[in-house]
Amino acid sequence: MRQLSNDEVIVLESQRCWAEDWSAVKVADGFDASAVRNTNFYGRVEIGEHCRISDVRILRGSGKKDMPKVISVLNEGGDGNVVLCPELTAQLAWMMIHYHDIFMMVYEQHYHGDKGRCCRVGDYCVIEGATKLEDCDIHGCEGAVTYIGPDVIMEKVVTACGAEITDGAKVYDSFVGEAVHIGRGFVSESSLFFANTYMDNGEACAALCGPFTCSHHKSTLLIGGQYSFYNAGSNTNQSNHAYKMGPIHWGTLERGVKTASGCHILWPATIGMFSMVMGKLTQHPDLSRLPFSYVMASQDRTYVVPGVNIKTVGIWRDITKWPRRDSRKEVASNDIITFDFPNPLILQSVKKGKELLERLVAEQGECEEYHYQKCLIKKNALDNGIRYYELIEALCDCEWADKEYVDMLGFVVERKDIDTVVRRVNSGFVNDSAALVAAISALRRGYPVRNIDQKAYLRWIDMVKADAKKEYNMGDVSEEQLDEFISGVRWRTAVQLYKNQ
């Protein structure tokens, strides 16, 4: 970065720009002063190439001691566990949260001593009509421009390429990732948003939002939770004050969970993959071993219907739409996403679910309701759950069944491979965040479906079609829409759904 030339200052001032101190404004060699208009600069500011900046009331580097930007996600009341940095990915954040030594490695890498804090606008950024940007690090790329729009307030925010923050959003101490949209007055504090996340109207606090997390409603609050491939219903919220000792509790909605309108979850709790939660859930259950379930809370009782969600139109639409909705450009696709369905993590969870239901029968005998994690499972729901899990297991002859897999915020990977990476960090072979991101990326692989059990797939497809017809019979779907959907649910489509990494 270099100082502005006298000619550039003259051009900026002629375009109604003002600076507290022009010598504190640094620019890249390819800076174009004619693309910056009606903007006020305070403190240390840096501007890259191919930027367009207009009508920004305050663009400020506070000058405070430039310690790494550290936030605490999940446990809002805890010590910082994520360093906000330009190279942050979903997987790097996951590693920092789960391994303190890795957090410290990244922290030390970004420690700049007493150097004053700066507001940076990187290459290929467009900023129009923002109210205030303070101590931010905004990054864009050729082909993946980052856009900051009208009435936006941002403080201590880092963005990845292709991010969009607009329409009065207020974002504090947060990371806004690749192809992430935040708008319509959404408010974020101490939260992370990764690939293709879409946030309008609501709020997030200490939220860890993995890929395709989605909220559209004004009354939605995501707080102290880990989410991925998640869809928040209207008036959905969580509470992290379970015992009135402060916001120290947190929970996980695993991949593909949805919450119905008015759903409230009292943390701590864990909801299994591809489940739907309804009502006010207060029992703090860990339902990670019961994927594809309906979780229905009412007053002091919560009923779980295991596995039933596998047969719904919603699940079929979700697993087919996510690969198509990945709007990232190749230059901005550092978050690793496993789209495959089924994948080894799903099959691992389903296997554990079936074993759990069989164990409940063995331990509690024949009864009308079974007790698990302070929740209730009716006998017919349990029996059907076993059959649903058997169907999912039968979809393919899986070579991964006896290995342990983990979801690194969208990326399905073997536990032993993570352990290997951690050992390389501890031994010094991997000693900075870029090398760690590369080591994680080297684990990338797809899980294409092989050895298809045609009978099981056709049975699944028949269930999905039956659910579509049920929706048609409710009168909300036209016959043309039904026919179009059913014609797309074919054996060939089922096998070739996936965008393999």
Protein backbone atom coordinates (compact mmCIF):
# COMPACT_ATOMS: atom_id res chain seq x y z
CA MET A 1 0.00 0.00 0.00
CA ARG A 2 1.11 3.57 -0.73
CA GLN A 3 0.01 7.07 0.25
CA LEU A 4 -2.33 9.05 -1.95
CA SER A 5 -0.78 11.42 -4.43
CA ASN A 6 -1.66 15.11 -4.33
CA ASP A 7 -3.57 14.71 -7.60
CA GLU A 8 -5.61 11.84 -6.15
CA VAL A 9 -6.49 13.90 -3.08
CA ILE A 10 -7.63 16.74 -5.34
CA VAL A 11 -9.84 14.31 -7.32
CA LEU A 12 -11.33 12.84 -4.15
CA GLU A 13 -12.10 16.24 -2.64
CA SER A 14 -13.70 17.36 -5.92
CA GLN A 15 -16.01 14.33 -5.58
CA ARG A 16 -17.16 15.44 -2.10
CA CYS A 17 -14.82 13.15 -0.18
CA TRP A 18 -13.35 14.26 3.16
CA ALA A 19 -10.63 12.81 5.38
CA GLU A 20 -9.67 13.49 8.94
CA ASP A 21 -6.08 12.95 7.74
CA TRP A 22 -5.39 12.14 4.09
CA SER A 23 -1.94 10.78 4.99
CA ALA A 24 -3.64 7.97 6.95
CA VAL A 25 -5.43 6.74 3.81
CA LYS A 26 -3.37 4.16 1.91
CA VAL A 27 -4.20 2.70 -1.50
CA ALA A 28 -3.05 -0.04 -3.87
CA ASP A 29 -0.99 0.86 -6.93
CA GLY A 30 -4.00 0.32 -9.21
CA PHE A 31 -6.30 2.56 -7.15
CA ASP A 32 -8.76 4.65 -9.20
CA ALA A 33 -9.69 7.86 -7.37
CA SER A 34 -12.53 8.57 -9.78
CA ALA A 35 -14.43 5.53 -8.39
CA VAL A 36 -14.64 6.98 -4.86
CA ARG A 37 -17.31 9.61 -4.18
CA ASN A 38 -19.02 11.39 -1.28
CA THR A 39 -17.25 9.39 1.42
CA ASN A 40 -15.78 10.41 4.80
CA PHE A 41 -12.53 8.81 6.01
CA TYR A 42 -11.46 8.62 9.64
CA GLY A 43 -8.22 7.15 10.97
CA ARG A 44 -6.28 4.45 9.10
CA VAL A 45 -7.99 3.23 5.92
CA GLU A 46 -6.65 1.03 3.11
CA ILE A 47 -8.29 0.65 -0.32
CA GLY A 48 -7.46 -1.95 -2.96
CA GLU A 49 -7.86 -2.11 -6.73
CA HIS A 50 -11.06 -2.21 -8.76
CA CYS A 51 -13.13 -0.76 -5.90
CA ARG A 52 -16.16 1.50 -6.15
CA ILE A 53 -17.05 3.46 -3.02
CA SER A 54 -19.83 6.04 -2.82
CA ASP A 55 -21.99 7.81 -0.25
CA VAL A 56 -20.36 6.28 2.83
CA ARG A 57 -20.86 8.44 5.91
CA ILE A 58 -18.08 6.91 8.03
CA LEU A 59 -15.21 4.70 6.84
CA ARG A 60 -13.00 4.39 9.89
CA GLY A 61 -9.96 2.65 11.27
CA SER A 62 -10.16 3.30 14.99
CA GLY A 63 -6.41 3.35 15.56
CA LYS A 64 -6.81 1.19 18.66
CA LYS A 65 -4.22 -1.49 19.39
CA ASP A 66 -4.49 -3.96 16.53
CA MET A 67 -5.01 -7.19 18.47
CA PRO A 68 -6.50 -10.08 16.49
CA LYS A 69 -10.27 -9.88 16.13
CA VAL A 70 -11.46 -12.67 18.45
CA ILE A 71 -15.07 -13.67 19.15
CA SER A 72 -16.78 -16.32 21.21
CA VAL A 73 -19.28 -18.36 19.26
CA LEU A 74 -21.62 -21.01 20.73
CA ASN A 75 -20.72 -20.23 24.36
CA GLU A 76 -21.58 -16.53 24.32
CA GLY A 77 -20.27 -15.98 27.84
CA GLY A 78 -17.02 -17.86 27.32
CA ASP A 79 -13.51 -16.93 26.27
CA GLY A 80 -12.86 -16.15 22.62
CA ASN A 81 -12.55 -19.23 20.44
CA VAL A 82 -12.38 -17.97 16.83
CA VAL A 83 -10.00 -15.48 15.24
CA LEU A 84 -11.69 -13.41 12.51
CA CYS A 85 -9.21 -13.46 9.64
CA PRO A 86 -9.38 -13.24 5.83
CA GLU A 87 -8.45 -16.89 5.30
CA LEU A 88 -11.20 -18.15 7.64
CA THR A 89 -13.21 -21.10 6.33
CA ALA A 90 -15.96 -23.20 7.91
CA GLN A 91 -13.44 -25.96 8.57
CA LEU A 92 -10.78 -23.66 10.04
CA ALA A 93 -13.40 -22.17 12.40
CA TRP A 94 -14.47 -25.69 13.41
CA MET A 95 -10.85 -26.61 14.18
CA MET A 96 -10.28 -23.49 16.30
CA ILE A 97 -13.43 -24.17 18.31
CA HIS A 98 -12.55 -27.81 18.97
CA TYR A 99 -8.77 -27.51 19.48
CA HIS A 100 -7.40 -24.69 21.64
CA ASP A 101 -3.83 -25.19 20.36
CA ILE A 102 -5.03 -24.47 16.83
CA PHE A 103 -6.86 -21.36 18.03
CA MET A 104 -3.64 -20.15 19.67
CA MET A 105 -1.62 -20.85 16.50
CA VAL A 106 -3.97 -18.67 14.43
CA TYR A 107 -4.11 -16.00 17.14
CA GLU A 108 -0.32 -15.65 17.30
CA GLN A 109 -0.14 -15.51 13.51
CA HIS A 110 -2.44 -12.47 13.46
CA TYR A 111 -0.91 -10.61 16.40
CA HIS A 112 0.44 -7.22 15.22
CA GLY A 113 1.59 -5.70 18.49
CA ASP A 114 0.96 -1.98 18.92
CA LYS A 115 0.20 -1.24 15.29
CA GLY A 116 -3.01 0.81 15.03
CA ARG A 117 -6.20 -0.84 13.81
CA CYS A 118 -7.13 -0.23 10.18
CA CYS A 119 -10.27 -0.42 8.04
CA ARG A 120 -9.40 -2.31 4.84
CA VAL A 121 -11.36 -2.40 1.60
CA GLY A 122 -9.74 -5.05 -0.56
CA ASP A 123 -9.78 -5.56 -4.32
CA TYR A 124 -13.06 -5.90 -6.22
CA CYS A 125 -15.36 -4.42 -3.61
CA VAL A 126 -18.41 -2.19 -4.13
CA ILE A 127 -19.63 -0.06 -1.21
CA GLU A 128 -22.70 2.11 -1.79
CA GLY A 129 -24.61 4.17 0.76
CA ALA A 130 -23.27 2.46 3.88
CA THR A 131 -23.70 4.33 7.16
CA LYS A 132 -20.57 3.18 9.00
CA LEU A 133 -17.73 0.72 8.41
CA GLU A 134 -15.29 0.61 11.31
CA ASP A 135 -12.24 -1.67 11.74
CA CYS A 136 -13.51 -3.97 8.99
CA ASP A 137 -11.56 -6.21 6.61
CA ILE A 138 -13.58 -6.46 3.40
CA HIS A 139 -12.39 -8.81 0.67
CA GLY A 140 -13.52 -9.33 -2.91
CA CYS A 141 -12.12 -11.23 -5.89
CA GLU A 142 -12.29 -10.85 -9.64
CA GLY A 143 -15.47 -12.70 -10.55
CA ALA A 144 -16.67 -12.69 -6.92
CA VAL A 145 -17.23 -9.05 -6.03
CA THR A 146 -18.18 -8.24 -2.44
CA TYR A 147 -21.05 -5.76 -2.07
CA ILE A 148 -21.84 -3.53 0.92
CA GLY A 149 -25.12 -1.71 0.38
CA PRO A 150 -27.33 1.09 1.72
CA ASP A 151 -27.65 1.94 5.42
CA VAL A 152 -25.33 -0.86 6.53
CA ILE A 153 -23.45 -0.58 9.83
CA MET A 154 -20.43 -2.86 10.29
CA GLU A 155 -17.89 -2.92 13.11
CA LYS A 156 -14.98 -5.39 13.34
CA VAL A 157 -16.31 -7.52 10.49
CA VAL A 158 -14.32 -9.68 8.08
CA THR A 159 -15.79 -10.78 4.76
CA ALA A 160 -14.85 -13.40 2.20
CA CYS A 161 -15.10 -12.90 -1.56
CA GLY A 162 -18.62 -12.74 -2.95
CA ALA A 163 -20.32 -11.65 0.28
CA GLU A 164 -23.33 -9.30 0.23
CA ILE A 165 -24.38 -7.13 3.18
CA THR A 166 -27.13 -4.66 2.39
CA ASP A 167 -30.44 -2.95 3.17
CA GLY A 168 -29.79 -1.70 6.69
CA ALA A 169 -28.08 -4.79 8.08
CA LYS A 170 -26.12 -4.24 11.31
CA VAL A 171 -23.17 -6.60 11.71
CA TYR A 172 -20.75 -6.55 14.62
CA ASP A 173 -17.75 -8.80 15.41
CA SER A 174 -18.71 -11.30 12.73
CA PHE A 175 -17.45 -13.15 9.66
CA VAL A 176 -19.49 -13.06 6.45
CA GLY A 177 -18.38 -15.83 4.10
CA GLU A 178 -18.49 -16.88 0.47
CA ALA A 179 -21.72 -16.02 -1.36
CA VAL A 180 -23.37 -15.18 1.98
CA HIS A 181 -26.25 -12.69 1.95
CA ILE A 182 -27.18 -10.57 4.97
CA GLY A 183 -29.87 -7.95 4.50
CA ARG A 184 -33.21 -6.31 5.34
CA GLY A 185 -32.19 -5.07 8.75
CA PHE A 186 -30.69 -8.36 9.98
CA VAL A 187 -28.59 -7.90 13.13
CA SER A 188 -25.54 -10.05 13.88
CA GLU A 189 -23.20 -10.06 16.84
CA SER A 190 -20.25 -12.43 17.38
CA SER A 191 -21.43 -14.83 14.68
CA LEU A 192 -19.98 -16.70 11.71
CA PHE A 193 -21.76 -17.22 8.39
CA PHE A 194 -20.36 -19.63 5.83
CA ALA A 195 -21.00 -20.56 2.20
CA ASN A 196 -24.41 -19.71 0.72
CA THR A 197 -25.97 -18.72 4.02
CA TYR A 198 -28.95 -16.35 3.63
CA MET A 199 -30.06 -14.05 6.45
CA ASP A 200 -32.83 -11.44 6.29
CA ASN A 201 -34.79 -9.55 8.97
CA GLY A 202 -33.89 -11.54 12.10
CA GLU A 203 -31.00 -11.73 14.57
CA ALA A 204 -27.98 -13.89 15.34
CA CYS A 205 -25.75 -13.88 18.40
CA ALA A 206 -22.82 -16.24 19.05
CA ALA A 207 -24.15 -18.34 16.17
CA LEU A 208 -22.02 -20.73 14.13
CA CYS A 209 -23.82 -20.89 10.80
CA GLY A 210 -22.50 -23.53 8.43
CA PRO A 211 -23.35 -23.70 4.72
CA PHE A 212 -26.89 -23.04 3.55
CA THR A 213 -28.18 -21.76 6.89
CA CYS A 214 -31.33 -19.80 6.07
CA SER A 215 -33.55 -17.36 7.95
CA HIS A 216 -36.03 -14.93 6.39
CA HIS A 217 -38.25 -13.77 9.26
CA LYS A 218 -38.15 -10.69 11.52
CA SER A 219 -38.98 -12.68 14.63
CA THR A 220 -36.18 -15.23 14.23
CA LEU A 221 -33.27 -15.35 16.69
CA LEU A 222 -30.35 -17.74 16.26
CA ILE A 223 -28.32 -17.70 19.45
CA GLY A 224 -25.58 -19.91 20.82
CA GLY A 225 -26.15 -22.65 18.27
CA GLN A 226 -24.33 -24.58 15.57
CA TYR A 227 -26.30 -24.92 12.33
CA SER A 228 -25.78 -26.19 8.78
CA PHE A 229 -28.18 -26.75 5.89
CA TYR A 230 -30.70 -25.28 8.35
CA ASN A 231 -34.02 -23.56 7.65
CA ALA A 232 -35.47 -21.42 10.46
CA GLY A 233 -39.23 -21.05 10.63
CA SER A 234 -40.97 -17.80 11.58
CA ASN A 235 -40.64 -16.84 15.27
CA THR A 236 -37.97 -19.50 15.77
CA ASN A 237 -35.61 -18.86 18.64
CA GLN A 238 -33.33 -20.52 21.15
CA SER A 239 -32.37 -19.66 24.72
CA ASN A 240 -28.86 -19.95 26.16
CA HIS A 241 -29.82 -18.95 29.73
CA ALA A 242 -30.97 -22.39 30.82
CA TYR A 243 -30.05 -22.00 34.49
CA LYS A 244 -30.08 -18.16 34.76
CA MET A 245 -26.29 -18.16 35.19
CA GLY A 246 -25.71 -16.17 32.03
CA PRO A 247 -25.48 -17.06 28.34
CA ILE A 248 -23.17 -20.05 28.81
CA HIS A 249 -25.21 -22.86 27.25
CA TRP A 250 -25.28 -23.83 23.61
CA GLY A 251 -26.56 -26.53 21.29
CA THR A 252 -26.42 -28.11 17.86
CA LEU A 253 -28.95 -28.51 15.11
CA GLU A 254 -27.25 -31.07 12.90
CA ARG A 255 -27.21 -31.02 9.10
CA GLY A 256 -30.58 -30.46 7.44
CA VAL A 257 -32.65 -29.67 10.56
CA LYS A 258 -35.72 -27.43 10.22
CA THR A 259 -37.65 -25.63 12.93
CA ALA A 260 -41.36 -24.97 12.55
CA SER A 261 -42.96 -21.57 13.12
CA GLY A 262 -42.94 -20.66 16.81
CA CYS A 263 -40.33 -23.27 17.73
CA HIS A 264 -38.32 -22.52 20.88
CA ILE A 265 -35.38 -24.67 21.99
CA LEU A 266 -33.85 -24.33 25.42
CA TRP A 267 -30.12 -25.04 25.18
CA PRO A 268 -28.28 -27.30 25.74
CA ALA A 269 -29.79 -29.68 23.20
CA THR A 270 -28.75 -31.59 20.10
CA ILE A 271 -31.15 -32.44 17.27
CA GLY A 272 -30.29 -35.24 14.83
CA MET A 273 -29.76 -34.76 11.11
CA PHE A 274 -32.68 -33.93 8.80
CA SER A 275 -35.15 -33.62 11.66
CA MET A 276 -38.06 -31.21 12.14
CA VAL A 277 -38.62 -29.55 15.53
CA MET A 278 -42.01 -28.17 16.58
CA GLY A 279 -43.14 -26.46 19.79
CA LYS A 280 -41.18 -25.46 22.90
CA LEU A 281 -38.44 -27.97 23.66
CA THR A 282 -37.31 -27.74 27.29
CA GLN A 283 -35.94 -31.21 28.11
CA HIS A 284 -32.36 -30.59 26.86
CA PRO A 285 -32.28 -33.85 24.88
CA ASP A 286 -29.42 -35.22 22.82
CA LEU A 287 -31.20 -36.72 19.81
CA SER A 288 -28.14 -37.02 17.59
CA ARG A 289 -28.77 -40.77 17.29
CA LEU A 290 -32.28 -40.28 15.91
CA PRO A 291 -31.92 -38.64 12.48
CA PHE A 292 -34.84 -37.91 10.12
CA SER A 293 -37.19 -37.48 13.07
CA TYR A 294 -40.14 -35.29 13.97
CA VAL A 295 -39.57 -33.76 17.41
CA MET A 296 -42.87 -32.41 18.76
CA ALA A 297 -42.86 -30.55 22.07
CA SER A 298 -46.02 -29.56 23.92
CA GLN A 299 -46.06 -28.22 27.49
CA ASP A 300 -43.95 -30.62 29.58
CA ARG A 301 -43.89 -33.50 27.07
CA THR A 302 -41.85 -34.06 23.93
CA TYR A 303 -42.60 -36.84 21.46
CA VAL A 304 -40.07 -38.11 18.94
CA VAL A 305 -41.15 -39.89 15.75
CA PRO A 306 -37.91 -41.48 14.50
CA GLY A 307 -36.99 -41.71 10.83
CA VAL A 308 -40.31 -40.50 9.44
CA ASN A 309 -38.85 -37.50 7.65
CA ILE A 310 -37.05 -39.70 5.10
CA LYS A 311 -40.29 -40.23 3.22
CA THR A 312 -41.22 -36.56 2.80
CA VAL A 313 -41.10 -34.33 -0.26
CA GLY A 314 -39.12 -31.81 1.79
CA ILE A 315 -36.13 -34.11 2.24
CA TRP A 316 -36.09 -34.99 -1.47
CA ARG A 317 -36.21 -31.31 -2.44
CA ASP A 318 -33.46 -30.39 0.02
CA ILE A 319 -30.90 -32.94 -1.09
CA THR A 320 -31.48 -32.08 -4.74
CA LYS A 321 -31.59 -28.27 -4.39
CA TRP A 322 -28.44 -27.61 -2.33
CA PRO A 323 -25.92 -28.53 -5.06
CA ARG A 324 -27.85 -26.38 -7.55
CA ARG A 325 -27.92 -23.42 -5.16
CA ASP A 326 -24.19 -23.28 -4.56
CA SER A 327 -23.69 -19.81 -6.06
CA ARG A 328 -19.98 -19.48 -5.28
CA LYS A 329 -17.48 -18.83 -8.01
CA GLU A 330 -14.42 -21.04 -8.37
CA VAL A 331 -12.18 -18.28 -6.99
CA ALA A 332 -14.32 -18.14 -3.85
CA SER A 333 -15.08 -21.72 -2.88
CA ASN A 334 -12.79 -22.48 0.03
CA ASP A 335 -15.49 -23.85 2.33
CA ILE A 336 -15.65 -27.59 1.65
CA ILE A 337 -19.18 -28.96 1.28
CA THR A 338 -20.13 -32.63 1.10
CA PHE A 339 -23.35 -32.79 -0.91
CA ASP A 340 -23.51 -36.58 -1.34
CA PHE A 341 -26.65 -38.36 -0.19
CA PRO A 342 -26.41 -40.77 1.42
CA ASN A 343 -22.94 -40.15 2.79
CA PRO A 344 -21.04 -42.10 5.46
CA LEU A 345 -22.01 -39.71 8.25
CA ILE A 346 -25.71 -40.17 7.47
CA LEU A 347 -25.35 -43.95 7.32
CA GLN A 348 -23.33 -43.94 10.55
CA SER A 349 -26.10 -41.98 12.28
CA VAL A 350 -28.85 -44.20 10.86
CA LYS A 351 -27.05 -47.33 12.03
CA LYS A 352 -26.79 -45.90 15.54
CA GLY A 353 -30.48 -44.92 15.41
CA LYS A 354 -31.61 -48.41 14.54
CA GLU A 355 -29.41 -49.94 17.26
CA LEU A 356 -30.77 -47.44 19.78
CA LEU A 357 -34.42 -48.21 19.02
CA GLU A 358 -33.77 -51.95 19.25
CA ARG A 359 -31.99 -51.42 22.58
CA LEU A 360 -34.94 -49.43 23.96
CA VAL A 361 -37.24 -52.38 23.23
CA ALA A 362 -34.78 -54.81 24.83
CA GLU A 363 -34.40 -52.67 27.96
CA GLN A 364 -37.95 -51.38 28.43
CA GLY A 365 -39.88 -54.34 27.04
CA GLU A 366 -43.18 -54.12 25.17
CA CYS A 367 -44.93 -50.88 26.16
CA GLU A 368 -47.03 -48.15 24.63
CA GLU A 369 -44.43 -45.40 25.13
CA TYR A 370 -40.66 -45.62 25.37
CA HIS A 371 -38.52 -43.14 27.31
CA TYR A 372 -35.35 -41.65 25.84
CA GLN A 373 -33.52 -38.45 26.81
CA LYS A 374 -36.60 -37.26 28.76
CA CYS A 375 -38.62 -37.63 25.55
CA LEU A 376 -41.29 -40.15 24.60
CA ILE A 377 -41.47 -42.47 21.58
CA LYS A 378 -44.75 -44.24 20.92
CA LYS A 379 -44.56 -47.96 20.14
CA ASN A 380 -45.84 -47.68 16.57
CA ALA A 381 -43.43 -44.78 15.93
CA LEU A 382 -40.54 -46.86 17.26
CA ASP A 383 -41.46 -49.88 15.11
CA ASN A 384 -41.80 -47.70 12.03
CA GLY A 385 -38.54 -45.94 12.86
CA ILE A 386 -36.65 -49.21 12.74
CA ARG A 387 -38.12 -49.91 9.31
CA TYR A 388 -37.26 -46.42 8.03
CA TYR A 389 -33.67 -46.77 9.22
CA GLU A 390 -33.43 -50.22 7.62
CA LEU A 391 -34.60 -48.68 4.35
CA ILE A 392 -31.92 -45.98 4.46
CA GLU A 393 -29.24 -48.55 5.31
CA ALA A 394 -30.39 -50.64 2.35
CA LEU A 395 -30.04 -47.80 -0.16
CA CYS A 396 -26.46 -48.80 -0.89
CA ASP A 397 -23.89 -51.37 0.11
CA CYS A 398 -21.61 -49.06 2.05
CA GLU A 399 -17.88 -49.57 2.47
CA TRP A 400 -17.73 -46.86 5.15
CA ALA A 401 -19.91 -48.46 7.84
CA ASP A 402 -17.20 -49.34 10.38
CA LYS A 403 -15.35 -46.02 10.29
CA GLU A 404 -16.04 -42.99 12.45
CA TYR A 405 -17.03 -39.82 10.59
CA VAL A 406 -17.42 -36.22 11.70
CA ASP A 407 -19.22 -33.24 10.16
CA MET A 408 -16.73 -30.35 10.05
CA LEU A 409 -19.47 -27.79 9.47
CA GLY A 410 -20.55 -29.13 6.09
CA PHE A 411 -17.56 -31.32 5.29
CA VAL A 412 -17.87 -35.05 6.07
CA VAL A 413 -14.48 -36.50 6.98
CA GLU A 414 -13.05 -39.47 8.87
CA ARG A 415 -12.16 -38.80 12.50
CA LYS A 416 -8.73 -40.42 12.06
CA ASP A 417 -7.89 -37.95 9.28
CA ILE A 418 -8.70 -35.02 11.57
CA ASP A 419 -6.51 -36.56 14.26
CA THR A 420 -3.66 -36.81 11.74
CA VAL A 421 -3.96 -33.12 10.85
CA VAL A 422 -3.99 -32.15 14.54
CA ARG A 423 -0.83 -34.19 15.15
CA ARG A 424 0.87 -32.39 12.23
CA VAL A 425 -0.04 -29.05 13.82
CA ASN A 426 1.24 -30.11 17.24
CA SER A 427 4.50 -31.39 15.74
CA GLY A 428 5.09 -28.15 13.83
CA PHE A 429 4.76 -29.51 10.28
CA VAL A 430 1.66 -27.32 9.87
CA ASN A 431 2.41 -23.96 11.44
CA ASP A 432 0.02 -21.36 10.05
CA SER A 433 -3.62 -21.03 9.04
CA ALA A 434 -2.98 -21.21 5.28
CA ALA A 435 -1.09 -24.49 5.68
CA LEU A 436 -3.85 -25.82 7.92
CA VAL A 437 -6.55 -24.91 5.39
CA ALA A 438 -4.51 -26.69 2.70
CA ALA A 439 -4.09 -29.78 4.91
CA ILE A 440 -7.84 -29.93 5.52
CA SER A 441 -8.57 -29.42 1.82
CA ALA A 442 -6.32 -32.38 1.00
CA LEU A 443 -8.85 -34.58 2.83
CA ARG A 444 -11.56 -33.60 0.34
CA ARG A 445 -13.29 -36.50 -1.38
CA GLY A 446 -16.69 -37.43 -2.71
CA TYR A 447 -18.91 -40.31 -1.64
CA PRO A 448 -20.68 -41.37 -4.84
CA VAL A 449 -23.40 -43.94 -4.39
CA ARG A 450 -22.27 -47.38 -5.52
CA ASN A 451 -23.85 -50.83 -5.40
CA ILE A 452 -27.35 -49.41 -5.54
CA ASP A 453 -30.15 -51.48 -4.04
CA GLN A 454 -32.79 -50.77 -6.67
CA LYS A 455 -35.63 -52.23 -4.62
CA ALA A 456 -34.86 -49.95 -1.65
CA TYR A 457 -34.52 -46.87 -3.86
CA LEU A 458 -37.81 -47.55 -5.62
CA ARG A 459 -39.53 -47.99 -2.27
CA TRP A 460 -38.13 -44.66 -1.11
CA ILE A 461 -39.24 -42.95 -4.31
CA ASP A 462 -42.75 -44.38 -3.92
CA MET A 463 -42.91 -42.89 -0.41
CA VAL A 464 -41.87 -39.47 -1.70
CA LYS A 465 -44.44 -39.59 -4.49
CA ALA A 466 -47.14 -40.59 -2.00
CA ASP A 467 -46.23 -37.61 0.18
CA ALA A 468 -46.47 -35.32 -2.86
CA LYS A 469 -49.94 -36.66 -3.65
CA LYS A 470 -50.98 -36.04 -0.05
CA GLU A 471 -49.95 -32.40 -0.44
CA TYR A 472 -51.88 -32.22 -3.72
CA ASN A 473 -55.00 -33.58 -1.99
CA MET A 474 -54.82 -30.69 0.49
CA GLY A 475 -55.63 -28.39 -2.43
CA ASP A 476 -52.50 -26.22 -2.34
CA VAL A 477 -50.73 -27.79 -5.33
CA SER A 478 -51.96 -27.79 -8.91
CA GLU A 479 -52.17 -31.00 -10.92
CA GLU A 480 -49.49 -29.63 -13.24
CA GLN A 481 -47.12 -29.03 -10.30
CA LEU A 482 -47.76 -32.54 -9.01
CA ASP A 483 -47.13 -34.13 -12.40
CA GLU A 484 -43.95 -32.11 -12.89
CA PHE A 485 -42.61 -33.13 -9.48
CA ILE A 486 -43.47 -36.82 -9.85
CA SER A 487 -41.97 -36.99 -13.34
CA GLY A 488 -38.69 -35.66 -11.88
CA VAL A 489 -38.59 -38.29 -9.13
CA ARG A 490 -37.15 -41.09 -11.23
CA TRP A 491 -34.71 -43.89 -10.63
CA ARG A 492 -32.09 -42.23 -12.86
CA THR A 493 -32.50 -38.93 -11.00
CA ALA A 494 -32.21 -40.63 -7.64
CA VAL A 495 -28.85 -42.16 -8.51
CA GLN A 496 -27.41 -39.03 -10.11
CA LEU A 497 -28.52 -36.38 -7.62
CA TYR A 498 -25.15 -35.40 -6.43
CA LYS A 499 -22.49 -32.84 -7.02
CA ASN A 500 -19.44 -34.75 -5.84
CA GLN A 501 -16.44 -32.83 -4.59
